[in-house]
Structure formats: structure tokens, C-alpha cells
Amino acid sequence: SCSVFDGHRGNYKETDPQTANSLIGKYKAGAENWIKGHATAYAILRLSPLLGRSHPYRPSWFDEFRIQVGRKQRIELH
């Protein structure tokens, strides 16, 4: 889940310990913990690395999310 877990087991839960193997994963985990400790309301999205937009006829979930936010539409997250 975007570098904060070791990447070997899979199917991680939010309650699993963060065991990052890479430096960027350790920075991300540290940033998440800082946000959790200093913010009263927050949302952390763990996404795979994003480089540019997806195919225009097959937008990714994140592109759909970005478009809906840009249009100020209501978004339901599970």
C-alpha cells in the first residue's frame, strides 16, 4: 500500500504495523504518524505512485475522484 508496508504479505489492514523497507516508505509512514498526531480531522489516501493522467477513455479511480472534486460533486468513499 504505497510503500508503508513491506510489500510481501499483501491484504494489509489499517491496524497492521507499518514496516517500510524503503526510505520513501519510512518518510511516508512518518508523515502519516505526524498528521495523525497533529490534526483533528484528516484523511490519508494511500495510492500507488501517480505519474500523469490515465487513458482519457478509461480514467483511473483517482482521475474520477480528481474530476469530481474539481466539479464540486458529492463523492462517496468506502
PDB file of N, CA and C in Angstrom:
ATOM      1  N   SER A   1       0.835  -1.179   0.000  1.00  0.00           N
ATOM      2  CA  SER A   1       0.000   0.000   0.000  1.00  0.00           C
ATOM      3  C   SER A   1       0.880   1.242   0.000  1.00  0.00           C
ATOM      4  N   CYS A   2       1.361   1.551  -1.123  1.00  0.00           N
ATOM      5  CA  CYS A   2       2.163   2.752  -1.372  1.00  0.00           C
ATOM      6  C   CYS A   2       3.352   2.906  -0.428  1.00  0.00           C
ATOM      7  N   SER A   3       4.117   1.858  -0.289  1.00  0.00           N
ATOM      8  CA  SER A   3       5.436   1.865   0.347  1.00  0.00           C
ATOM      9  C   SER A   3       5.470   1.865   1.864  1.00  0.00           C
ATOM     10  N   VAL A   4       4.348   1.953   2.571  1.00  0.00           N
ATOM     11  CA  VAL A   4       4.427   1.990   4.032  1.00  0.00           C
ATOM     12  C   VAL A   4       4.439   0.591   4.649  1.00  0.00           C
ATOM     13  N   PHE A   5       4.107  -0.430   3.871  1.00  0.00           N
ATOM     14  CA  PHE A   5       4.196  -1.805   4.342  1.00  0.00           C
ATOM     15  C   PHE A   5       5.325  -2.511   3.604  1.00  0.00           C
ATOM     16  N   ASP A   6       5.691  -3.677   4.057  1.00  0.00           N
ATOM     17  CA  ASP A   6       6.859  -4.354   3.477  1.00  0.00           C
ATOM     18  C   ASP A   6       6.628  -4.858   2.060  1.00  0.00           C
ATOM     19  N   GLY A   7       5.379  -5.070   1.656  1.00  0.00           N
ATOM     20  CA  GLY A   7       5.084  -5.457   0.286  1.00  0.00           C
ATOM     21  C   GLY A   7       5.157  -6.945   0.004  1.00  0.00           C
ATOM     22  N   HIS A   8       5.316  -7.769   1.018  1.00  0.00           N
ATOM     23  CA  HIS A   8       5.436  -9.206   0.795  1.00  0.00           C
ATOM     24  C   HIS A   8       4.137  -9.960   1.058  1.00  0.00           C
ATOM     25  N   ARG A   9       3.427  -9.623   2.107  1.00  0.00           N
ATOM     26  CA  ARG A   9       2.256 -10.390   2.506  1.00  0.00           C
ATOM     27  C   ARG A   9       1.019  -9.995   1.719  1.00  0.00           C
ATOM     28  N   GLY A  10       0.715  -8.714   1.636  1.00  0.00           N
ATOM     29  CA  GLY A  10      -0.478  -8.245   0.936  1.00  0.00           C
ATOM     30  C   GLY A  10      -1.710  -8.265   1.817  1.00  0.00           C
ATOM     31  N   ASN A  11      -2.832  -7.726   1.314  1.00  0.00           N
ATOM     32  CA  ASN A  11      -4.098  -7.633   2.038  1.00  0.00           C
ATOM     33  C   ASN A  11      -3.917  -7.005   3.416  1.00  0.00           C
ATOM     34  N   TYR A  12      -3.274  -5.863   3.453  1.00  0.00           N
ATOM     35  CA  TYR A  12      -2.993  -5.183   4.714  1.00  0.00           C
ATOM     36  C   TYR A  12      -4.234  -4.496   5.250  1.00  0.00           C
ATOM     37  N   LYS A  13      -4.260  -4.310   6.553  1.00  0.00           N
ATOM     38  CA  LYS A  13      -5.329  -3.585   7.235  1.00  0.00           C
ATOM     39  C   LYS A  13      -4.712  -2.357   7.888  1.00  0.00           C
ATOM     40  N   GLU A  14      -5.542  -1.397   8.222  1.00  0.00           N
ATOM     41  CA  GLU A  14      -5.046  -0.177   8.858  1.00  0.00           C
ATOM     42  C   GLU A  14      -4.409  -0.469  10.215  1.00  0.00           C
ATOM     43  N   THR A  15      -4.797  -1.553  10.849  1.00  0.00           N
ATOM     44  CA  THR A  15      -4.253  -1.880  12.170  1.00  0.00           C
ATOM     45  C   THR A  15      -2.912  -2.602  12.091  1.00  0.00           C
ATOM     46  N   ASP A  16      -2.496  -3.022  10.902  1.00  0.00           N
ATOM     47  CA  ASP A  16      -1.197  -3.696  10.747  1.00  0.00           C
ATOM     48  C   ASP A  16      -0.065  -2.704  10.979  1.00  0.00           C
ATOM     49  N   PRO A  17       1.040  -3.153  11.551  1.00  0.00           N
ATOM     50  CA  PRO A  17       2.169  -2.242  11.760  1.00  0.00           C
ATOM     51  C   PRO A  17       2.792  -1.824  10.424  1.00  0.00           C
ATOM     52  N   GLN A  18       3.246  -0.600  10.386  1.00  0.00           N
ATOM     53  CA  GLN A  18       3.906  -0.090   9.182  1.00  0.00           C
ATOM     54  C   GLN A  18       5.360  -0.548   9.212  1.00  0.00           C
ATOM     55  N   THR A  19       5.720  -1.371   8.248  1.00  0.00           N
ATOM     56  CA  THR A  19       7.076  -1.930   8.199  1.00  0.00           C
ATOM     57  C   THR A  19       7.706  -1.615   6.854  1.00  0.00           C
ATOM     58  N   ALA A  20       7.960  -0.359   6.619  1.00  0.00           N
ATOM     59  CA  ALA A  20       8.508   0.072   5.338  1.00  0.00           C
ATOM     60  C   ALA A  20       9.953  -0.385   5.191  1.00  0.00           C
ATOM     61  N   ASN A  21      10.292  -0.873   4.002  1.00  0.00           N
ATOM     62  CA  ASN A  21      11.662  -1.290   3.706  1.00  0.00           C
ATOM     63  C   ASN A  21      12.461  -0.190   3.025  1.00  0.00           C
ATOM     64  N   SER A  22      11.783   0.722   2.354  1.00  0.00           N
ATOM     65  CA  SER A  22      12.483   1.767   1.605  1.00  0.00           C
ATOM     66  C   SER A  22      12.488   3.070   2.392  1.00  0.00           C
ATOM     67  N   LEU A  23      13.392   3.952   2.027  1.00  0.00           N
ATOM     68  CA  LEU A  23      13.485   5.251   2.685  1.00  0.00           C
ATOM     69  C   LEU A  23      12.229   6.078   2.445  1.00  0.00           C
ATOM     70  N   ILE A  24      11.706   6.056   1.219  1.00  0.00           N
ATOM     71  CA  ILE A  24      10.491   6.825   0.939  1.00  0.00           C
ATOM     72  C   ILE A  24       9.311   6.284   1.738  1.00  0.00           C
ATOM     73  N   GLY A  25       9.238   4.963   1.908  1.00  0.00           N
ATOM     74  CA  GLY A  25       8.180   4.371   2.720  1.00  0.00           C
ATOM     75  C   GLY A  25       8.277   4.798   4.175  1.00  0.00           C
ATOM     76  N   LYS A  26       9.489   4.888   4.696  1.00  0.00           N
ATOM     77  CA  LYS A  26       9.688   5.339   6.079  1.00  0.00           C
ATOM     78  C   LYS A  26       9.291   6.802   6.229  1.00  0.00           C
ATOM     79  N   TYR A  27       9.604   7.631   5.223  1.00  0.00           N
ATOM     80  CA  TYR A  27       9.188   9.031   5.264  1.00  0.00           C
ATOM     81  C   TYR A  27       7.667   9.151   5.208  1.00  0.00           C
ATOM     82  N   LYS A  28       7.036   8.354   4.351  1.00  0.00           N
ATOM     83  CA  LYS A  28       5.574   8.394   4.249  1.00  0.00           C
ATOM     84  C   LYS A  28       4.924   7.971   5.554  1.00  0.00           C
ATOM     85  N   ALA A  29       5.423   6.897   6.155  1.00  0.00           N
ATOM     86  CA  ALA A  29       4.872   6.430   7.427  1.00  0.00           C
ATOM     87  C   ALA A  29       5.066   7.496   8.509  1.00  0.00           C
ATOM     88  N   GLY A  30       6.231   8.129   8.534  1.00  0.00           N
ATOM     89  CA  GLY A  30       6.478   9.192   9.498  1.00  0.00           C
ATOM     90  C   GLY A  30       5.551  10.378   9.304  1.00  0.00           C
ATOM     91  N   ALA A  31       5.308  10.731   8.038  1.00  0.00           N
ATOM     92  CA  ALA A  31       4.400  11.839   7.739  1.00  0.00           C
ATOM     93  C   ALA A  31       2.973  11.502   8.152  1.00  0.00           C
ATOM     94  N   GLU A  32       2.537  10.266   7.899  1.00  0.00           N
ATOM     95  CA  GLU A  32       1.198   9.845   8.322  1.00  0.00           C
ATOM     96  C   GLU A  32       1.061   9.936   9.834  1.00  0.00           C
ATOM     97  N   ASN A  33       2.062   9.456  10.555  1.00  0.00           N
ATOM     98  CA  ASN A  33       2.006   9.493  12.015  1.00  0.00           C
ATOM     99  C   ASN A  33       2.005  10.929  12.534  1.00  0.00           C
ATOM    100  N   TRP A  34       2.766  11.814  11.884  1.00  0.00           N
ATOM    101  CA  TRP A  34       2.773  13.218  12.290  1.00  0.00           C
ATOM    102  C   TRP A  34       1.391  13.830  12.097  1.00  0.00           C
ATOM    103  N   ILE A  35       0.769  13.554  10.928  1.00  0.00           N
ATOM    104  CA  ILE A  35      -0.566  14.092  10.645  1.00  0.00           C
ATOM    105  C   ILE A  35      -1.571  13.566  11.664  1.00  0.00           C
ATOM    106  N   LYS A  36      -1.523  12.275  11.959  1.00  0.00           N
ATOM    107  CA  LYS A  36      -2.454  11.687  12.926  1.00  0.00           C
ATOM    108  C   LYS A  36      -2.300  12.312  14.305  1.00  0.00           C
ATOM    109  N   GLY A  37      -1.078  12.687  14.664  1.00  0.00           N
ATOM    110  CA  GLY A  37      -0.834  13.266  15.975  1.00  0.00           C
ATOM    111  C   GLY A  37      -1.122  14.749  16.084  1.00  0.00           C
ATOM    112  N   HIS A  38      -1.176  15.469  14.955  1.00  0.00           N
ATOM    113  CA  HIS A  38      -1.333  16.918  14.994  1.00  0.00           C
ATOM    114  C   HIS A  38      -2.634  17.433  14.403  1.00  0.00           C
ATOM    115  N   ALA A  39      -3.408  16.601  13.745  1.00  0.00           N
ATOM    116  CA  ALA A  39      -4.641  17.068  13.107  1.00  0.00           C
ATOM    117  C   ALA A  39      -5.852  16.451  13.790  1.00  0.00           C
ATOM    118  N   THR A  40      -6.918  17.220  13.892  1.00  0.00           N
ATOM    119  CA  THR A  40      -8.148  16.687  14.476  1.00  0.00           C
ATOM    120  C   THR A  40      -9.034  16.036  13.424  1.00  0.00           C
ATOM    121  N   ALA A  41      -8.961  16.510  12.197  1.00  0.00           N
ATOM    122  CA  ALA A  41      -9.730  15.924  11.095  1.00  0.00           C
ATOM    123  C   ALA A  41      -8.778  15.746   9.917  1.00  0.00           C
ATOM    124  N   TYR A  42      -8.660  14.515   9.431  1.00  0.00           N
ATOM    125  CA  TYR A  42      -7.730  14.268   8.340  1.00  0.00           C
ATOM    126  C   TYR A  42      -8.191  13.058   7.539  1.00  0.00           C
ATOM    127  N   ALA A  43      -7.685  12.946   6.339  1.00  0.00           N
ATOM    128  CA  ALA A  43      -7.891  11.766   5.502  1.00  0.00           C
ATOM    129  C   ALA A  43      -6.551  11.477   4.827  1.00  0.00           C
ATOM    130  N   ILE A  44      -6.128  10.240   4.913  1.00  0.00           N
ATOM    131  CA  ILE A  44      -4.879   9.827   4.289  1.00  0.00           C
ATOM    132  C   ILE A  44      -5.226   8.839   3.185  1.00  0.00           C
ATOM    133  N   LEU A  45      -4.858   9.163   1.960  1.00  0.00           N
ATOM    134  CA  LEU A  45      -5.104   8.283   0.827  1.00  0.00           C
ATOM    135  C   LEU A  45      -3.778   7.613   0.470  1.00  0.00           C
ATOM    136  N   ARG A  46      -3.743   6.304   0.564  1.00  0.00           N
ATOM    137  CA  ARG A  46      -2.557   5.558   0.143  1.00  0.00           C
ATOM    138  C   ARG A  46      -2.791   5.085  -1.273  1.00  0.00           C
ATOM    139  N   LEU A  47      -2.133   5.718  -2.205  1.00  0.00           N
ATOM    140  CA  LEU A  47      -2.313   5.411  -3.618  1.00  0.00           C
ATOM    141  C   LEU A  47      -0.992   4.972  -4.214  1.00  0.00           C
ATOM    142  N   SER A  48      -1.093   4.196  -5.259  1.00  0.00           N
ATOM    143  CA  SER A  48       0.129   3.832  -5.964  1.00  0.00           C
ATOM    144  C   SER A  48       0.731   5.097  -6.576  1.00  0.00           C
ATOM    145  N   PRO A  49       2.005   5.076  -6.896  1.00  0.00           N
ATOM    146  CA  PRO A  49       2.605   6.271  -7.488  1.00  0.00           C
ATOM    147  C   PRO A  49       1.851   6.713  -8.747  1.00  0.00           C
ATOM    148  N   LEU A  50       1.583   7.996  -8.832  1.00  0.00           N
ATOM    149  CA  LEU A  50       0.824   8.537  -9.955  1.00  0.00           C
ATOM    150  C   LEU A  50       1.725   9.412 -10.792  1.00  0.00           C
ATOM    151  N   LEU A  51       1.795   9.108 -12.050  1.00  0.00           N
ATOM    152  CA  LEU A  51       2.569   9.918 -12.987  1.00  0.00           C
ATOM    153  C   LEU A  51       1.649  10.309 -14.119  1.00  0.00           C
ATOM    154  N   GLY A  52       1.191  11.533 -14.112  1.00  0.00           N
ATOM    155  CA  GLY A  52       0.310  11.997 -15.169  1.00  0.00           C
ATOM    156  C   GLY A  52      -1.081  11.400 -15.066  1.00  0.00           C
ATOM    157  N   ARG A  53      -1.850  11.624 -16.090  1.00  0.00           N
ATOM    158  CA  ARG A  53      -3.224  11.135 -16.123  1.00  0.00           C
ATOM    159  C   ARG A  53      -3.293   9.791 -16.817  1.00  0.00           C
ATOM    160  N   SER A  54      -4.379   9.092 -16.548  1.00  0.00           N
ATOM    161  CA  SER A  54      -4.577   7.796 -17.199  1.00  0.00           C
ATOM    162  C   SER A  54      -5.160   8.013 -18.596  1.00  0.00           C
ATOM    163  N   HIS A  55      -5.527   6.929 -19.240  1.00  0.00           N
ATOM    164  CA  HIS A  55      -6.092   6.968 -20.589  1.00  0.00           C
ATOM    165  C   HIS A  55      -7.397   7.764 -20.561  1.00  0.00           C
ATOM    166  N   PRO A  56      -7.622   8.664 -21.525  1.00  0.00           N
ATOM    167  CA  PRO A  56      -8.827   9.508 -21.474  1.00  0.00           C
ATOM    168  C   PRO A  56     -10.142   8.736 -21.568  1.00  0.00           C
ATOM    169  N   TYR A  57     -10.143   7.557 -22.199  1.00  0.00           N
ATOM    170  CA  TYR A  57     -11.372   6.778 -22.311  1.00  0.00           C
ATOM    171  C   TYR A  57     -11.512   5.744 -21.204  1.00  0.00           C
ATOM    172  N   ARG A  58     -10.463   5.553 -20.414  1.00  0.00           N
ATOM    173  CA  ARG A  58     -10.504   4.628 -19.273  1.00  0.00           C
ATOM    174  C   ARG A  58      -9.837   5.306 -18.076  1.00  0.00           C
ATOM    175  N   PRO A  59     -10.491   6.335 -17.499  1.00  0.00           N
ATOM    176  CA  PRO A  59      -9.858   7.049 -16.385  1.00  0.00           C
ATOM    177  C   PRO A  59      -9.708   6.143 -15.154  1.00  0.00           C
ATOM    178  N   SER A  60      -8.639   6.369 -14.432  1.00  0.00           N
ATOM    179  CA  SER A  60      -8.404   5.612 -13.208  1.00  0.00           C
ATOM    180  C   SER A  60      -9.360   6.097 -12.123  1.00  0.00           C
ATOM    181  N   TRP A  61      -9.407   5.360 -11.023  1.00  0.00           N
ATOM    182  CA  TRP A  61     -10.238   5.765  -9.900  1.00  0.00           C
ATOM    183  C   TRP A  61      -9.812   7.144  -9.409  1.00  0.00           C
ATOM    184  N   PHE A  62      -8.511   7.379  -9.338  1.00  0.00           N
ATOM    185  CA  PHE A  62      -8.026   8.660  -8.857  1.00  0.00           C
ATOM    186  C   PHE A  62      -8.395   9.789  -9.810  1.00  0.00           C
ATOM    187  N   ASP A  63      -8.364   9.540 -11.120  1.00  0.00           N
ATOM    188  CA  ASP A  63      -8.786  10.563 -12.079  1.00  0.00           C
ATOM    189  C   ASP A  63     -10.267  10.899 -11.898  1.00  0.00           C
ATOM    190  N   GLU A  64     -11.096   9.877 -11.701  1.00  0.00           N
ATOM    191  CA  GLU A  64     -12.524  10.113 -11.452  1.00  0.00           C
ATOM    192  C   GLU A  64     -12.708  10.952 -10.185  1.00  0.00           C
ATOM    193  N   PHE A  65     -11.959  10.618  -9.149  1.00  0.00           N
ATOM    194  CA  PHE A  65     -12.009  11.360  -7.886  1.00  0.00           C
ATOM    195  C   PHE A  65     -11.604  12.812  -8.118  1.00  0.00           C
ATOM    196  N   ARG A  66     -10.505  13.019  -8.826  1.00  0.00           N
ATOM    197  CA  ARG A  66     -10.000  14.358  -9.100  1.00  0.00           C
ATOM    198  C   ARG A  66     -11.017  15.185  -9.886  1.00  0.00           C
ATOM    199  N   ILE A  67     -11.655  14.563 -10.878  1.00  0.00           N
ATOM    200  CA  ILE A  67     -12.647  15.255 -11.704  1.00  0.00           C
ATOM    201  C   ILE A  67     -13.856  15.645 -10.863  1.00  0.00           C
ATOM    202  N   GLN A  68     -14.330  14.730 -10.013  1.00  0.00           N
ATOM    203  CA  GLN A  68     -15.488  15.026  -9.166  1.00  0.00           C
ATOM    204  C   GLN A  68     -15.180  16.141  -8.174  1.00  0.00           C
ATOM    205  N   VAL A  69     -13.986  16.141  -7.611  1.00  0.00           N
ATOM    206  CA  VAL A  69     -13.589  17.222  -6.699  1.00  0.00           C
ATOM    207  C   VAL A  69     -13.547  18.537  -7.457  1.00  0.00           C
ATOM    208  N   GLY A  70     -12.993  18.525  -8.658  1.00  0.00           N
ATOM    209  CA  GLY A  70     -12.930  19.739  -9.471  1.00  0.00           C
ATOM    210  C   GLY A  70     -14.301  20.294  -9.820  1.00  0.00           C
ATOM    211  N   ARG A  71     -15.278  19.418  -9.975  1.00  0.00           N
ATOM    212  CA  ARG A  71     -16.644  19.841 -10.296  1.00  0.00           C
ATOM    213  C   ARG A  71     -17.486  20.085  -9.052  1.00  0.00           C
ATOM    214  N   LYS A  72     -16.880  19.894  -7.880  1.00  0.00           N
ATOM    215  CA  LYS A  72     -17.555  20.060  -6.585  1.00  0.00           C
ATOM    216  C   LYS A  72     -18.765  19.145  -6.471  1.00  0.00           C
ATOM    217  N   GLN A  73     -18.617  17.917  -6.993  1.00  0.00           N
ATOM    218  CA  GLN A  73     -19.676  16.926  -6.897  1.00  0.00           C
ATOM    219  C   GLN A  73     -19.515  16.138  -5.602  1.00  0.00           C
ATOM    220  N   ARG A  74     -20.609  15.559  -5.173  1.00  0.00           N
ATOM    221  CA  ARG A  74     -20.574  14.735  -3.967  1.00  0.00           C
ATOM    222  C   ARG A  74     -19.832  13.431  -4.271  1.00  0.00           C
ATOM    223  N   ILE A  75     -18.994  13.009  -3.328  1.00  0.00           N
ATOM    224  CA  ILE A  75     -18.179  11.807  -3.509  1.00  0.00           C
ATOM    225  C   ILE A  75     -18.461  10.863  -2.356  1.00  0.00           C
ATOM    226  N   GLU A  76     -18.701   9.599  -2.661  1.00  0.00           N
ATOM    227  CA  GLU A  76     -18.893   8.591  -1.615  1.00  0.00           C
ATOM    228  C   GLU A  76     -17.664   7.706  -1.577  1.00  0.00           C
ATOM    229  N   LEU A  77     -17.009   7.639  -0.427  1.00  0.00           N
ATOM    230  CA  LEU A  77     -15.821   6.809  -0.241  1.00  0.00           C
ATOM    231  C   LEU A  77     -16.165   5.665   0.692  1.00  0.00           C
ATOM    232  N   HIS A  78     -15.661   4.495   0.395  1.00  0.00           N
ATOM    233  CA  HIS A  78     -15.917   3.314   1.227  1.00  0.00           C
ATOM    234  C   HIS A  78     -14.701   3.034   2.091  1.00  0.00           C
TER     235      HIS A  78
END
